[in-house]
């Protein structure tokens, strides 16, 4: 039996791997109420998703 993906068809969006980055980037969670942050780790790979707004507005 063939597995089905939960993802919808990519007709309304474009996906790319992004640009190679020469410096270290980190993801952080910022708590503005208590005024502190927590590092969640370094970014190793990028994924850029862009919605096709024109296609969405035509629906």
N, C-alpha and C. Protein backbone atom coordinates (compact mmCIF):
# COMPACT_ATOMS: atom_id res chain seq x y z
N UNK A 1 0.84 -1.18 0.00
CA UNK A 1 0.00 0.00 0.00
C UNK A 1 0.88 1.24 0.00
N UNK A 2 0.56 2.20 -0.82
CA UNK A 2 1.34 3.42 -0.95
C UNK A 2 0.97 4.42 0.15
N UNK A 3 2.00 4.98 0.82
CA UNK A 3 1.74 5.98 1.86
C UNK A 3 1.33 7.29 1.23
N UNK A 4 0.40 7.99 1.87
CA UNK A 4 -0.03 9.30 1.40
C UNK A 4 0.55 10.36 2.30
N UNK A 5 0.94 11.44 1.73
CA UNK A 5 1.50 12.56 2.48
C UNK A 5 0.38 13.43 3.04
N UNK A 6 0.63 14.02 4.23
CA UNK A 6 -0.33 14.95 4.81
C UNK A 6 -0.19 16.34 4.21
N UNK A 7 0.85 16.56 3.41
CA UNK A 7 1.09 17.87 2.81
C UNK A 7 0.16 18.09 1.62
N UNK A 8 -0.30 19.31 1.46
CA UNK A 8 -1.13 19.63 0.31
C UNK A 8 -0.24 19.86 -0.91
N UNK A 9 -0.84 19.88 -2.06
CA UNK A 9 -0.09 20.11 -3.29
C UNK A 9 0.60 21.46 -3.24
N UNK A 10 1.78 21.54 -3.79
CA UNK A 10 2.59 22.76 -3.73
C UNK A 10 2.24 23.74 -4.85
N UNK A 11 0.98 23.80 -5.24
CA UNK A 11 0.59 24.72 -6.30
C UNK A 11 0.44 26.15 -5.79
N UNK A 12 0.26 26.33 -4.49
CA UNK A 12 0.07 27.65 -3.91
C UNK A 12 1.33 28.20 -3.26
N UNK A 13 2.45 27.52 -3.40
CA UNK A 13 3.68 27.96 -2.73
C UNK A 13 4.90 27.50 -3.50
N UNK A 14 6.00 28.17 -3.24
CA UNK A 14 7.29 27.80 -3.81
C UNK A 14 8.23 27.50 -2.65
N UNK A 15 9.05 26.46 -2.77
CA UNK A 15 9.98 26.08 -1.72
C UNK A 15 11.38 26.03 -2.31
N UNK A 16 12.34 26.61 -1.58
CA UNK A 16 13.74 26.54 -2.01
C UNK A 16 14.62 26.27 -0.80
N UNK A 17 15.85 25.87 -1.06
CA UNK A 17 16.79 25.54 0.01
C UNK A 17 17.40 26.76 0.67
N UNK A 18 17.20 27.93 0.12
CA UNK A 18 17.77 29.14 0.71
C UNK A 18 19.22 29.33 0.30
N UNK A 19 19.81 30.41 0.77
CA UNK A 19 21.19 30.73 0.42
C UNK A 19 22.15 30.18 1.46
N UNK A 20 23.36 29.85 1.02
CA UNK A 20 24.39 29.40 1.95
C UNK A 20 24.80 30.58 2.82
N UNK A 21 24.89 30.35 4.11
CA UNK A 21 25.22 31.40 5.06
C UNK A 21 26.63 31.14 5.60
N UNK A 22 27.48 32.15 5.61
CA UNK A 22 28.87 32.00 6.04
C UNK A 22 29.08 32.29 7.52
N UNK A 23 28.03 32.66 8.24
CA UNK A 23 28.20 32.93 9.67
C UNK A 23 27.21 32.08 10.47
N UNK A 24 27.49 31.91 11.75
CA UNK A 24 26.66 31.09 12.62
C UNK A 24 25.34 31.80 12.91
N UNK A 25 24.24 31.06 12.81
CA UNK A 25 22.92 31.58 13.16
C UNK A 25 22.32 30.67 14.24
N UNK A 26 21.58 31.26 15.17
CA UNK A 26 20.92 30.50 16.22
C UNK A 26 19.44 30.85 16.28
N UNK A 27 18.66 29.91 16.75
CA UNK A 27 17.24 30.14 17.03
C UNK A 27 17.12 30.37 18.52
N UNK A 28 16.40 31.42 18.91
CA UNK A 28 16.21 31.70 20.34
C UNK A 28 14.73 31.93 20.63
N UNK A 29 14.34 31.61 21.84
CA UNK A 29 13.00 31.93 22.34
C UNK A 29 13.17 33.10 23.30
N UNK A 30 12.39 34.17 23.09
CA UNK A 30 12.53 35.37 23.91
C UNK A 30 11.28 35.54 24.77
N UNK A 31 11.50 35.65 26.08
CA UNK A 31 10.41 35.91 27.02
C UNK A 31 10.49 37.39 27.39
N UNK A 32 9.64 38.20 26.77
CA UNK A 32 9.69 39.65 27.00
C UNK A 32 9.12 40.03 28.36
N UNK A 33 8.21 39.23 28.88
CA UNK A 33 7.62 39.54 30.18
C UNK A 33 8.65 39.40 31.30
N UNK A 34 9.42 38.30 31.28
CA UNK A 34 10.43 38.07 32.32
C UNK A 34 11.81 38.55 31.90
N UNK A 35 11.92 39.08 30.69
CA UNK A 35 13.14 39.66 30.15
C UNK A 35 14.34 38.71 30.17
N UNK A 36 14.14 37.54 29.54
CA UNK A 36 15.26 36.62 29.34
C UNK A 36 15.03 35.84 28.05
N UNK A 37 16.07 35.15 27.59
CA UNK A 37 15.95 34.35 26.38
C UNK A 37 16.63 33.01 26.58
N UNK A 38 16.30 32.07 25.72
CA UNK A 38 16.87 30.73 25.77
C UNK A 38 17.28 30.33 24.36
N UNK A 39 18.53 29.93 24.21
CA UNK A 39 19.01 29.47 22.91
C UNK A 39 18.47 28.07 22.64
N UNK A 40 17.85 27.89 21.48
CA UNK A 40 17.31 26.59 21.09
C UNK A 40 18.28 25.80 20.22
N UNK A 41 19.35 26.45 19.77
CA UNK A 41 20.36 25.74 19.00
C UNK A 41 20.75 26.46 17.72
N UNK A 42 21.79 25.94 17.10
CA UNK A 42 22.30 26.52 15.85
C UNK A 42 21.47 26.03 14.67
N UNK A 43 21.34 26.88 13.67
CA UNK A 43 20.65 26.53 12.43
C UNK A 43 21.65 25.83 11.52
N UNK A 44 21.30 24.62 11.07
CA UNK A 44 22.19 23.87 10.19
C UNK A 44 21.71 23.90 8.74
N UNK A 45 20.40 23.91 8.54
CA UNK A 45 19.85 23.91 7.18
C UNK A 45 18.72 24.92 7.10
N UNK A 46 18.52 25.48 5.92
CA UNK A 46 17.48 26.48 5.70
C UNK A 46 16.43 25.93 4.74
N UNK A 47 15.21 26.38 4.93
CA UNK A 47 14.13 26.08 4.01
C UNK A 47 13.28 27.33 3.91
N UNK A 48 13.09 27.81 2.70
CA UNK A 48 12.31 29.02 2.49
C UNK A 48 11.05 28.65 1.73
N UNK A 49 9.90 28.98 2.32
CA UNK A 49 8.62 28.76 1.67
C UNK A 49 7.97 30.09 1.36
N UNK A 50 7.53 30.28 0.12
CA UNK A 50 6.90 31.53 -0.30
C UNK A 50 5.53 31.22 -0.88
N UNK A 51 4.52 31.86 -0.34
CA UNK A 51 3.15 31.65 -0.82
C UNK A 51 2.91 32.41 -2.11
N UNK A 52 2.19 31.79 -3.03
CA UNK A 52 1.79 32.43 -4.28
C UNK A 52 0.51 33.22 -4.00
N UNK A 53 0.65 34.48 -3.59
CA UNK A 53 -0.47 35.32 -3.19
C UNK A 53 -1.48 35.49 -4.32
N UNK A 54 -1.01 35.69 -5.54
CA UNK A 54 -1.92 35.88 -6.68
C UNK A 54 -2.84 34.67 -6.86
N UNK A 55 -2.28 33.48 -6.72
CA UNK A 55 -3.07 32.26 -6.86
C UNK A 55 -4.10 32.16 -5.74
N UNK A 56 -3.73 32.51 -4.52
CA UNK A 56 -4.66 32.45 -3.39
C UNK A 56 -5.79 33.46 -3.54
N UNK A 57 -5.49 34.66 -4.03
CA UNK A 57 -6.51 35.69 -4.19
C UNK A 57 -7.50 35.36 -5.31
N UNK A 58 -7.06 34.57 -6.28
CA UNK A 58 -7.94 34.19 -7.39
C UNK A 58 -8.98 33.14 -6.98
N UNK A 59 -8.80 32.51 -5.83
CA UNK A 59 -9.71 31.43 -5.40
C UNK A 59 -10.95 31.97 -4.74
